[in-house]
Amino acid sequence: MTYGDIAAQAGHPYAARQVGGLAHFGPTELPWHRVVNCFGDCASGYYGGKEGHKKALEVEGFKVVNYRIVGFSERRWRPQA
């Protein structure tokens, strides 16, 4: 998912930056490594920076090239409303 996807699911479609703030400074036990920007790019604010984010995604089987998930549009999760 993207930060914007989560914001929209929460009923605040323009709150992507606030979701990013939660991701980078909120509860670490949540799977924030699965959240990327709208292009499928890794976040520099992730623990360990973009490299840390890339490694966390690769552990789960994502292919990441130049800090972008390969085939992101096909893998992007969008739950039914």
PDB file of N, CA and C in Angstrom:
ATOM      1  N   MET A   1       0.839  -1.187   0.000  1.00  0.00           N
ATOM      2  CA  MET A   1       0.000   0.000   0.000  1.00  0.00           C
ATOM      3  C   MET A   1       0.879   1.243   0.000  1.00  0.00           C
ATOM      4  N   THR A   2       0.246   2.338  -0.327  1.00  0.00           N
ATOM      5  CA  THR A   2       0.945   3.615  -0.259  1.00  0.00           C
ATOM      6  C   THR A   2       0.452   4.381   0.966  1.00  0.00           C
ATOM      7  N   TYR A   3       1.173   5.428   1.309  1.00  0.00           N
ATOM      8  CA  TYR A   3       0.744   6.286   2.417  1.00  0.00           C
ATOM      9  C   TYR A   3      -0.636   6.860   2.102  1.00  0.00           C
ATOM     10  N   GLY A   4      -0.851   7.252   0.848  1.00  0.00           N
ATOM     11  CA  GLY A   4      -2.140   7.787   0.429  1.00  0.00           C
ATOM     12  C   GLY A   4      -3.252   6.759   0.490  1.00  0.00           C
ATOM     13  N   ASP A   5      -2.942   5.502   0.168  1.00  0.00           N
ATOM     14  CA  ASP A   5      -3.946   4.433   0.258  1.00  0.00           C
ATOM     15  C   ASP A   5      -4.442   4.292   1.691  1.00  0.00           C
ATOM     16  N   ILE A   6      -3.510   4.304   2.630  1.00  0.00           N
ATOM     17  CA  ILE A   6      -3.885   4.164   4.043  1.00  0.00           C
ATOM     18  C   ILE A   6      -4.708   5.370   4.486  1.00  0.00           C
ATOM     19  N   ALA A   7      -4.285   6.564   4.078  1.00  0.00           N
ATOM     20  CA  ALA A   7      -5.028   7.772   4.429  1.00  0.00           C
ATOM     21  C   ALA A   7      -6.464   7.690   3.891  1.00  0.00           C
ATOM     22  N   ALA A   8      -6.615   7.255   2.654  1.00  0.00           N
ATOM     23  CA  ALA A   8      -7.946   7.140   2.055  1.00  0.00           C
ATOM     24  C   ALA A   8      -8.791   6.113   2.795  1.00  0.00           C
ATOM     25  N   GLN A   9      -8.197   4.973   3.146  1.00  0.00           N
ATOM     26  CA  GLN A   9      -8.927   3.947   3.889  1.00  0.00           C
ATOM     27  C   GLN A   9      -9.387   4.458   5.248  1.00  0.00           C
ATOM     28  N   ALA A  10      -8.619   5.371   5.825  1.00  0.00           N
ATOM     29  CA  ALA A  10      -8.964   5.944   7.127  1.00  0.00           C
ATOM     30  C   ALA A  10      -9.978   7.082   6.994  1.00  0.00           C
ATOM     31  N   GLY A  11     -10.375   7.404   5.759  1.00  0.00           N
ATOM     32  CA  GLY A  11     -11.358   8.443   5.540  1.00  0.00           C
ATOM     33  C   GLY A  11     -10.784   9.837   5.373  1.00  0.00           C
ATOM     34  N   HIS A  12      -9.469   9.919   5.209  1.00  0.00           N
ATOM     35  CA  HIS A  12      -8.790  11.213   5.042  1.00  0.00           C
ATOM     36  C   HIS A  12      -7.835  11.131   3.851  1.00  0.00           C
ATOM     37  N   PRO A  13      -8.363  11.165   2.628  1.00  0.00           N
ATOM     38  CA  PRO A  13      -7.538  10.932   1.435  1.00  0.00           C
ATOM     39  C   PRO A  13      -6.384  11.905   1.218  1.00  0.00           C
ATOM     40  N   TYR A  14      -6.391  13.042   1.899  1.00  0.00           N
ATOM     41  CA  TYR A  14      -5.314  14.008   1.707  1.00  0.00           C
ATOM     42  C   TYR A  14      -4.327  14.018   2.874  1.00  0.00           C
ATOM     43  N   ALA A  15      -4.333  12.953   3.662  1.00  0.00           N
ATOM     44  CA  ALA A  15      -3.484  12.899   4.860  1.00  0.00           C
ATOM     45  C   ALA A  15      -2.291  11.956   4.698  1.00  0.00           C
ATOM     46  N   ALA A  16      -1.788  11.802   3.479  1.00  0.00           N
ATOM     47  CA  ALA A  16      -0.666  10.886   3.239  1.00  0.00           C
ATOM     48  C   ALA A  16       0.570  11.273   4.056  1.00  0.00           C
ATOM     49  N   ARG A  17       0.831  12.556   4.199  1.00  0.00           N
ATOM     50  CA  ARG A  17       2.003  12.998   4.979  1.00  0.00           C
ATOM     51  C   ARG A  17       1.867  12.624   6.453  1.00  0.00           C
ATOM     52  N   GLN A  18       0.654  12.700   6.969  1.00  0.00           N
ATOM     53  CA  GLN A  18       0.438  12.313   8.361  1.00  0.00           C
ATOM     54  C   GLN A  18       0.662  10.815   8.539  1.00  0.00           C
ATOM     55  N   VAL A  19       0.230  10.029   7.561  1.00  0.00           N
ATOM     56  CA  VAL A  19       0.479   8.585   7.611  1.00  0.00           C
ATOM     57  C   VAL A  19       1.981   8.329   7.568  1.00  0.00           C
ATOM     58  N   GLY A  20       2.700   9.069   6.736  1.00  0.00           N
ATOM     59  CA  GLY A  20       4.158   8.941   6.686  1.00  0.00           C
ATOM     60  C   GLY A  20       4.786   9.253   8.029  1.00  0.00           C
ATOM     61  N   GLY A  21       4.272  10.273   8.710  1.00  0.00           N
ATOM     62  CA  GLY A  21       4.776  10.606  10.040  1.00  0.00           C
ATOM     63  C   GLY A  21       4.562   9.469  11.022  1.00  0.00           C
ATOM     64  N   LEU A  22       3.394   8.850  10.963  1.00  0.00           N
ATOM     65  CA  LEU A  22       3.130   7.684  11.821  1.00  0.00           C
ATOM     66  C   LEU A  22       4.070   6.533  11.481  1.00  0.00           C
ATOM     67  N   ALA A  23       4.281   6.343  10.195  1.00  0.00           N
ATOM     68  CA  ALA A  23       5.152   5.248   9.762  1.00  0.00           C
ATOM     69  C   ALA A  23       6.574   5.425  10.268  1.00  0.00           C
ATOM     70  N   HIS A  24       7.047   6.643  10.281  1.00  0.00           N
ATOM     71  CA  HIS A  24       8.444   6.881  10.634  1.00  0.00           C
ATOM     72  C   HIS A  24       8.671   7.139  12.111  1.00  0.00           C
ATOM     73  N   PHE A  25       7.609   7.534  12.830  1.00  0.00           N
ATOM     74  CA  PHE A  25       7.793   7.869  14.240  1.00  0.00           C
ATOM     75  C   PHE A  25       6.824   7.131  15.154  1.00  0.00           C
ATOM     76  N   GLY A  26       5.947   6.313  14.579  1.00  0.00           N
ATOM     77  CA  GLY A  26       4.935   5.617  15.363  1.00  0.00           C
ATOM     78  C   GLY A  26       5.374   4.239  15.820  1.00  0.00           C
ATOM     79  N   PRO A  27       4.406   3.405  16.160  1.00  0.00           N
ATOM     80  CA  PRO A  27       4.686   2.063  16.692  1.00  0.00           C
ATOM     81  C   PRO A  27       5.538   1.226  15.737  1.00  0.00           C
ATOM     82  N   THR A  28       6.654   0.739  16.233  1.00  0.00           N
ATOM     83  CA  THR A  28       7.579  -0.018  15.378  1.00  0.00           C
ATOM     84  C   THR A  28       7.129  -1.461  15.157  1.00  0.00           C
ATOM     85  N   GLU A  29       6.158  -1.934  15.931  1.00  0.00           N
ATOM     86  CA  GLU A  29       5.717  -3.319  15.761  1.00  0.00           C
ATOM     87  C   GLU A  29       4.770  -3.494  14.570  1.00  0.00           C
ATOM     88  N   LEU A  30       4.345  -2.392  13.964  1.00  0.00           N
ATOM     89  CA  LEU A  30       3.485  -2.481  12.791  1.00  0.00           C
ATOM     90  C   LEU A  30       4.337  -2.675  11.534  1.00  0.00           C
ATOM     91  N   PRO A  31       3.788  -3.331  10.502  1.00  0.00           N
ATOM     92  CA  PRO A  31       4.575  -3.646   9.293  1.00  0.00           C
ATOM     93  C   PRO A  31       4.732  -2.461   8.342  1.00  0.00           C
ATOM     94  N   TRP A  32       5.353  -1.391   8.818  1.00  0.00           N
ATOM     95  CA  TRP A  32       5.510  -0.186   8.011  1.00  0.00           C
ATOM     96  C   TRP A  32       6.377  -0.402   6.781  1.00  0.00           C
ATOM     97  N   HIS A  33       7.202  -1.451   6.781  1.00  0.00           N
ATOM     98  CA  HIS A  33       8.051  -1.696   5.612  1.00  0.00           C
ATOM     99  C   HIS A  33       7.215  -2.012   4.378  1.00  0.00           C
ATOM    100  N   ARG A  34       5.956  -2.362   4.556  1.00  0.00           N
ATOM    101  CA  ARG A  34       5.088  -2.671   3.425  1.00  0.00           C
ATOM    102  C   ARG A  34       4.420  -1.434   2.833  1.00  0.00           C
ATOM    103  N   VAL A  35       4.697  -0.270   3.404  1.00  0.00           N
ATOM    104  CA  VAL A  35       4.104   0.977   2.933  1.00  0.00           C
ATOM    105  C   VAL A  35       5.166   1.778   2.178  1.00  0.00           C
ATOM    106  N   VAL A  36       4.817   2.189   0.971  1.00  0.00           N
ATOM    107  CA  VAL A  36       5.754   2.918   0.112  1.00  0.00           C
ATOM    108  C   VAL A  36       5.044   4.146  -0.468  1.00  0.00           C
ATOM    109  N   ASN A  37       5.774   4.972  -1.215  1.00  0.00           N
ATOM    110  CA  ASN A  37       5.118   6.128  -1.823  1.00  0.00           C
ATOM    111  C   ASN A  37       4.311   5.689  -3.045  1.00  0.00           C
ATOM    112  N   CYS A  38       3.662   6.627  -3.685  1.00  0.00           N
ATOM    113  CA  CYS A  38       2.740   6.288  -4.778  1.00  0.00           C
ATOM    114  C   CYS A  38       3.425   5.695  -6.010  1.00  0.00           C
ATOM    115  N   PHE A  39       4.746   5.770  -6.064  1.00  0.00           N
ATOM    116  CA  PHE A  39       5.490   5.178  -7.173  1.00  0.00           C
ATOM    117  C   PHE A  39       6.068   3.810  -6.826  1.00  0.00           C
ATOM    118  N   GLY A  40       5.888   3.386  -5.562  1.00  0.00           N
ATOM    119  CA  GLY A  40       6.463   2.131  -5.112  1.00  0.00           C
ATOM    120  C   GLY A  40       7.896   2.281  -4.643  1.00  0.00           C
ATOM    121  N   ASP A  41       8.273   3.503  -4.291  1.00  0.00           N
ATOM    122  CA  ASP A  41       9.648   3.791  -3.858  1.00  0.00           C
ATOM    123  C   ASP A  41       9.819   3.605  -2.357  1.00  0.00           C
ATOM    124  N   CYS A  42      11.017   3.206  -1.976  1.00  0.00           N
ATOM    125  CA  CYS A  42      11.389   3.091  -0.572  1.00  0.00           C
ATOM    126  C   CYS A  42      11.481   4.477   0.055  1.00  0.00           C
ATOM    127  N   ALA A  43      11.283   4.531   1.370  1.00  0.00           N
ATOM    128  CA  ALA A  43      11.287   5.807   2.087  1.00  0.00           C
ATOM    129  C   ALA A  43      12.632   6.068   2.737  1.00  0.00           C
ATOM    130  N   SER A  44      13.118   7.278   2.574  1.00  0.00           N
ATOM    131  CA  SER A  44      14.375   7.657   3.219  1.00  0.00           C
ATOM    132  C   SER A  44      14.200   7.779   4.727  1.00  0.00           C
ATOM    133  N   GLY A  45      12.957   8.018   5.196  1.00  0.00           N
ATOM    134  CA  GLY A  45      12.695   8.144   6.628  1.00  0.00           C
ATOM    135  C   GLY A  45      12.534   6.821   7.345  1.00  0.00           C
ATOM    136  N   TYR A  46      12.572   5.725   6.603  1.00  0.00           N
ATOM    137  CA  TYR A  46      12.463   4.397   7.203  1.00  0.00           C
ATOM    138  C   TYR A  46      13.700   4.117   8.049  1.00  0.00           C
ATOM    139  N   TYR A  47      13.547   3.333   9.117  1.00  0.00           N
ATOM    140  CA  TYR A  47      14.698   2.976   9.951  1.00  0.00           C
ATOM    141  C   TYR A  47      15.763   2.315   9.066  1.00  0.00           C
ATOM    142  N   GLY A  48      16.929   2.882   9.020  1.00  0.00           N
ATOM    143  CA  GLY A  48      17.987   2.386   8.137  1.00  0.00           C
ATOM    144  C   GLY A  48      17.970   3.036   6.773  1.00  0.00           C
ATOM    145  N   GLY A  49      17.086   4.025   6.582  1.00  0.00           N
ATOM    146  CA  GLY A  49      17.010   4.729   5.314  1.00  0.00           C
ATOM    147  C   GLY A  49      16.454   3.865   4.194  1.00  0.00           C
ATOM    148  N   LYS A  50      16.658   4.322   2.979  1.00  0.00           N
ATOM    149  CA  LYS A  50      16.148   3.583   1.819  1.00  0.00           C
ATOM    150  C   LYS A  50      16.746   2.187   1.728  1.00  0.00           C
ATOM    151  N   GLU A  51      18.005   2.053   2.129  1.00  0.00           N
ATOM    152  CA  GLU A  51      18.650   0.729   2.080  1.00  0.00           C
ATOM    153  C   GLU A  51      17.986  -0.227   3.068  1.00  0.00           C
ATOM    154  N   GLY A  52      17.673   0.264   4.257  1.00  0.00           N
ATOM    155  CA  GLY A  52      16.985  -0.564   5.249  1.00  0.00           C
ATOM    156  C   GLY A  52      15.605  -0.969   4.780  1.00  0.00           C
ATOM    157  N   HIS A  53      14.896  -0.034   4.155  1.00  0.00           N
ATOM    158  CA  HIS A  53      13.565  -0.314   3.634  1.00  0.00           C
ATOM    159  C   HIS A  53      13.644  -1.362   2.516  1.00  0.00           C
ATOM    160  N   LYS A  54      14.611  -1.189   1.646  1.00  0.00           N
ATOM    161  CA  LYS A  54      14.816  -2.148   0.544  1.00  0.00           C
ATOM    162  C   LYS A  54      15.056  -3.544   1.084  1.00  0.00           C
ATOM    163  N   LYS A  55      15.927  -3.664   2.068  1.00  0.00           N
ATOM    164  CA  LYS A  55      16.250  -4.980   2.633  1.00  0.00           C
ATOM    165  C   LYS A  55      15.027  -5.626   3.272  1.00  0.00           C
ATOM    166  N   ALA A  56      14.226  -4.838   3.992  1.00  0.00           N
ATOM    167  CA  ALA A  56      13.022  -5.375   4.633  1.00  0.00           C
ATOM    168  C   ALA A  56      12.029  -5.891   3.593  1.00  0.00           C
ATOM    169  N   LEU A  57      11.895  -5.186   2.471  1.00  0.00           N
ATOM    170  CA  LEU A  57      11.002  -5.630   1.405  1.00  0.00           C
ATOM    171  C   LEU A  57      11.536  -6.890   0.722  1.00  0.00           C
ATOM    172  N   GLU A  58      12.834  -6.940   0.501  1.00  0.00           N
ATOM    173  CA  GLU A  58      13.439  -8.102  -0.160  1.00  0.00           C
ATOM    174  C   GLU A  58      13.292  -9.361   0.689  1.00  0.00           C
ATOM    175  N   VAL A  59      13.334  -9.228   2.000  1.00  0.00           N
ATOM    176  CA  VAL A  59      13.145 -10.387   2.882  1.00  0.00           C
ATOM    177  C   VAL A  59      11.778 -11.025   2.628  1.00  0.00           C
ATOM    178  N   GLU A  60      10.797 -10.208   2.274  1.00  0.00           N
ATOM    179  CA  GLU A  60       9.447 -10.717   2.008  1.00  0.00           C
ATOM    180  C   GLU A  60       9.229 -11.099   0.548  1.00  0.00           C
ATOM    181  N   GLY A  61      10.282 -11.073  -0.253  1.00  0.00           N
ATOM    182  CA  GLY A  61      10.191 -11.554  -1.623  1.00  0.00           C
ATOM    183  C   GLY A  61       9.966 -10.492  -2.684  1.00  0.00           C
ATOM    184  N   PHE A  62       9.985  -9.218  -2.294  1.00  0.00           N
ATOM    185  CA  PHE A  62       9.836  -8.161  -3.282  1.00  0.00           C
ATOM    186  C   PHE A  62      11.165  -7.940  -3.989  1.00  0.00           C
ATOM    187  N   LYS A  63      11.098  -7.719  -5.287  1.00  0.00           N
ATOM    188  CA  LYS A  63      12.288  -7.337  -6.040  1.00  0.00           C
ATOM    189  C   LYS A  63      12.318  -5.823  -6.061  1.00  0.00           C
ATOM    190  N   VAL A  64      13.434  -5.242  -5.619  1.00  0.00           N
ATOM    191  CA  VAL A  64      13.572  -3.793  -5.538  1.00  0.00           C
ATOM    192  C   VAL A  64      14.808  -3.371  -6.328  1.00  0.00           C
ATOM    193  N   VAL A  65      14.600  -2.500  -7.306  1.00  0.00           N
ATOM    194  CA  VAL A  65      15.686  -1.988  -8.140  1.00  0.00           C
ATOM    195  C   VAL A  65      15.678  -0.470  -8.031  1.00  0.00           C
ATOM    196  N   ASN A  66      16.843   0.097  -7.743  1.00  0.00           N
ATOM    197  CA  ASN A  66      16.957   1.546  -7.553  1.00  0.00           C
ATOM    198  C   ASN A  66      15.935   2.049  -6.530  1.00  0.00           C
ATOM    199  N   TYR A  67      15.740   1.262  -5.482  1.00  0.00           N
ATOM    200  CA  TYR A  67      14.843   1.590  -4.369  1.00  0.00           C
ATOM    201  C   TYR A  67      13.380   1.712  -4.779  1.00  0.00           C
ATOM    202  N   ARG A  68      13.008   1.018  -5.854  1.00  0.00           N
ATOM    203  CA  ARG A  68      11.616   0.985  -6.313  1.00  0.00           C
ATOM    204  C   ARG A  68      11.195  -0.463  -6.490  1.00  0.00           C
ATOM    205  N   ILE A  69      10.005  -0.812  -6.003  1.00  0.00           N
ATOM    206  CA  ILE A  69       9.485  -2.166  -6.132  1.00  0.00           C
ATOM    207  C   ILE A  69       9.196  -2.448  -7.599  1.00  0.00           C
ATOM    208  N   VAL A  70       9.755  -3.529  -8.106  1.00  0.00           N
ATOM    209  CA  VAL A  70       9.507  -3.944  -9.488  1.00  0.00           C
ATOM    210  C   VAL A  70       8.085  -4.495  -9.568  1.00  0.00           C
ATOM    211  N   GLY A  71       7.319  -4.019 -10.522  1.00  0.00           N
ATOM    212  CA  GLY A  71       5.943  -4.481 -10.698  1.00  0.00           C
ATOM    213  C   GLY A  71       5.003  -3.994  -9.612  1.00  0.00           C
ATOM    214  N   PHE A  72       5.299  -2.816  -9.074  1.00  0.00           N
ATOM    215  CA  PHE A  72       4.499  -2.308  -7.955  1.00  0.00           C
ATOM    216  C   PHE A  72       3.021  -2.201  -8.306  1.00  0.00           C
ATOM    217  N   SER A  73       2.687  -1.718  -9.476  1.00  0.00           N
ATOM    218  CA  SER A  73       1.267  -1.533  -9.814  1.00  0.00           C
ATOM    219  C   SER A  73       0.501  -2.854  -9.766  1.00  0.00           C
ATOM    220  N   GLU A  74       1.156  -3.971 -10.056  1.00  0.00           N
ATOM    221  CA  GLU A  74       0.507  -5.275  -9.985  1.00  0.00           C
ATOM    222  C   GLU A  74       0.460  -5.815  -8.554  1.00  0.00           C
ATOM    223  N   ARG A  75       1.394  -5.420  -7.725  1.00  0.00           N
ATOM    224  CA  ARG A  75       1.482  -5.940  -6.357  1.00  0.00           C
ATOM    225  C   ARG A  75       0.818  -5.040  -5.329  1.00  0.00           C
ATOM    226  N   ARG A  76       0.472  -3.844  -5.732  1.00  0.00           N
ATOM    227  CA  ARG A  76      -0.126  -2.874  -4.808  1.00  0.00           C
ATOM    228  C   ARG A  76      -1.442  -3.416  -4.270  1.00  0.00           C
ATOM    229  N   TRP A  77      -1.605  -3.370  -2.963  1.00  0.00           N
ATOM    230  CA  TRP A  77      -2.811  -3.879  -2.330  1.00  0.00           C
ATOM    231  C   TRP A  77      -3.795  -2.744  -2.125  1.00  0.00           C
ATOM    232  N   ARG A  78      -4.978  -2.940  -2.619  1.00  0.00           N
ATOM    233  CA  ARG A  78      -6.060  -1.967  -2.458  1.00  0.00           C
ATOM    234  C   ARG A  78      -7.284  -2.718  -1.981  1.00  0.00           C
ATOM    235  N   PRO A  79      -7.543  -2.673  -0.678  1.00  0.00           N
ATOM    236  CA  PRO A  79      -8.691  -3.428  -0.149  1.00  0.00           C
ATOM    237  C   PRO A  79     -10.019  -2.888  -0.676  1.00  0.00           C
ATOM    238  N   GLN A  80     -10.980  -3.755  -0.736  1.00  0.00           N
ATOM    239  CA  GLN A  80     -12.317  -3.341  -1.166  1.00  0.00           C
ATOM    240  C   GLN A  80     -12.950  -2.497  -0.070  1.00  0.00           C
ATOM    241  N   ALA A  81     -13.559  -1.421  -0.464  1.00  0.00           N
ATOM    242  CA  ALA A  81     -14.201  -0.523   0.525  1.00  0.00           C
ATOM    243  C   ALA A  81     -15.516  -1.097   1.004  1.00  0.00           C
TER     244      ALA A  81
END
